[in-house]
């Protein structure tokens, strides 16, 4: 299991900014990468965020009609993919997913070999 969680270093201790799905005294591996407030701020479009906040507030916390249309279209596409068998999984492990990918690559290569004209 891999989770990415922001944390703050205070008084010699890393304090996660959200609850962690861990048991007491469970050992974990921590990789540390620094987050610069300035670099993040430069990536954020403040105007877009404010407009989005206003739209959500105006919709009473629900999706706007435009957002709902986008969501409905994506759900319809997903349903179409499921009915057509264009989905794989679910997988319990990364190894299962990798094996599925390798299997499907093999099938695609076999189809391409059959379709390739013989000279």
Protein backbone atom coordinates (compact mmCIF):
# COMPACT_ATOMS: atom_id res chain seq x y z
CA UNK A 1 0.00 0.00 0.00
CA UNK A 2 1.34 3.44 -0.89
CA UNK A 3 -0.22 6.69 0.31
CA UNK A 4 0.98 10.22 -0.30
CA UNK A 5 0.26 12.45 2.67
CA UNK A 6 1.34 15.99 3.39
CA UNK A 7 2.91 16.51 6.80
CA UNK A 8 4.45 19.30 8.84
CA UNK A 9 7.75 18.94 10.67
CA UNK A 10 7.33 20.38 14.18
CA UNK A 11 9.58 20.01 17.22
CA UNK A 12 11.46 17.09 15.70
CA UNK A 13 8.32 15.15 14.73
CA UNK A 14 6.48 14.74 11.39
CA UNK A 15 2.78 15.49 11.91
CA UNK A 16 0.47 14.26 9.10
CA UNK A 17 -2.13 16.78 7.97
CA UNK A 18 -4.80 14.07 7.65
CA UNK A 19 -5.62 10.81 9.46
CA UNK A 20 -3.56 7.79 8.43
CA UNK A 21 -4.99 4.27 7.86
CA UNK A 22 -2.41 2.71 10.20
CA UNK A 23 -2.46 0.66 13.34
CA UNK A 24 -0.71 1.90 16.46
CA UNK A 25 3.07 1.14 16.32
CA UNK A 26 2.83 -0.06 12.70
CA UNK A 27 6.16 0.39 10.92
CA UNK A 28 6.13 2.32 7.64
CA UNK A 29 8.71 3.65 5.17
CA UNK A 30 8.78 7.42 4.76
CA UNK A 31 10.13 9.24 1.70
CA UNK A 32 10.51 12.97 2.21
CA UNK A 33 10.20 15.62 -0.48
CA UNK A 34 10.04 19.29 0.39
CA UNK A 35 7.08 21.41 -0.69
CA UNK A 36 7.90 25.02 -1.40
CA UNK A 37 4.99 27.33 -0.72
CA UNK A 38 6.17 29.69 -3.45
CA UNK A 39 6.35 27.03 -6.18
CA UNK A 40 2.87 25.72 -5.35
CA UNK A 41 1.39 29.20 -5.27
CA UNK A 42 2.74 29.88 -8.75
CA UNK A 43 0.88 26.84 -10.09
CA UNK A 44 -2.50 27.78 -8.64
CA UNK A 45 -4.88 29.86 -10.71
CA UNK A 46 -6.47 31.90 -7.93
CA UNK A 47 -9.14 33.33 -10.24
CA UNK A 48 -10.23 29.86 -11.34
CA UNK A 49 -10.42 28.63 -7.75
CA UNK A 50 -12.49 31.61 -6.66
CA UNK A 51 -14.88 31.18 -9.61
CA UNK A 52 -15.25 27.47 -8.80
CA UNK A 53 -15.97 28.27 -5.15
CA UNK A 54 -18.65 30.78 -6.19
CA UNK A 55 -20.26 28.30 -8.61
CA UNK A 56 -20.41 25.57 -5.98
CA UNK A 57 -21.79 27.97 -3.39
CA UNK A 58 -24.43 29.22 -5.87
CA UNK A 59 -25.44 25.63 -6.58
CA UNK A 60 -26.00 25.01 -2.89
CA UNK A 61 -22.93 22.78 -2.62
CA UNK A 62 -24.20 20.51 -5.41
CA UNK A 63 -22.75 20.24 -8.90
CA UNK A 64 -23.54 22.97 -11.41
CA UNK A 65 -25.60 21.93 -14.46
CA UNK A 66 -22.48 22.13 -16.65
CA UNK A 67 -20.53 19.94 -14.23
CA UNK A 68 -23.41 17.46 -14.06
CA UNK A 69 -23.50 17.19 -17.89
CA UNK A 70 -19.76 16.41 -17.95
CA UNK A 71 -20.09 13.82 -15.19
CA UNK A 72 -23.11 12.18 -16.87
CA UNK A 73 -21.27 12.00 -20.22
CA UNK A 74 -18.23 10.38 -18.61
CA UNK A 75 -20.40 7.88 -16.75
CA UNK A 76 -22.22 7.00 -20.00
CA UNK A 77 -18.84 6.45 -21.71
CA UNK A 78 -17.70 4.25 -18.83
CA UNK A 79 -20.91 2.19 -19.06
CA UNK A 80 -20.34 1.79 -22.80
CA UNK A 81 -16.77 0.58 -22.17
CA UNK A 82 -17.97 -1.93 -19.57
CA UNK A 83 -20.67 -3.33 -21.88
CA UNK A 84 -18.12 -3.62 -24.71
CA UNK A 85 -15.62 -5.40 -22.45
CA UNK A 86 -13.01 -2.65 -22.65
CA UNK A 87 -12.15 -2.87 -18.94
CA UNK A 88 -9.75 -4.95 -16.89
CA UNK A 89 -9.54 -5.78 -13.21
CA UNK A 90 -10.14 -5.24 -10.43
CA UNK A 91 -6.69 -6.26 -9.30
CA UNK A 92 -5.66 -7.08 -5.74
CA UNK A 93 -1.98 -6.43 -6.35
CA UNK A 94 0.28 -4.54 -8.72
CA UNK A 95 1.64 -7.90 -9.85
CA UNK A 96 -1.83 -9.00 -10.98
CA UNK A 97 -2.22 -5.76 -12.91
CA UNK A 98 1.22 -6.15 -14.54
CA UNK A 99 0.42 -9.75 -15.52
CA UNK A 100 -2.84 -8.60 -17.11
CA UNK A 101 -1.03 -5.88 -19.05
CA UNK A 102 1.59 -8.36 -20.28
CA UNK A 103 -1.12 -10.82 -21.30
CA UNK A 104 -2.98 -8.17 -23.29
CA UNK A 105 0.22 -6.95 -24.95
CA UNK A 106 0.82 -10.53 -26.09
CA UNK A 107 -2.70 -10.73 -27.51
CA UNK A 108 -2.29 -7.44 -29.37
CA UNK A 109 1.03 -8.56 -30.85
CA UNK A 110 -0.55 -11.82 -32.02
CA UNK A 111 -3.37 -9.92 -33.73
CA UNK A 112 -0.87 -7.61 -35.44
CA UNK A 113 1.20 -10.57 -36.67
CA UNK A 114 -1.91 -12.17 -38.19
CA UNK A 115 -2.95 -8.92 -39.86
CA UNK A 116 0.52 -8.27 -41.31
CA UNK A 117 0.66 -9.27 -45.00
CA UNK A 118 3.18 -11.98 -45.94
CA UNK A 119 5.65 -10.98 -48.66
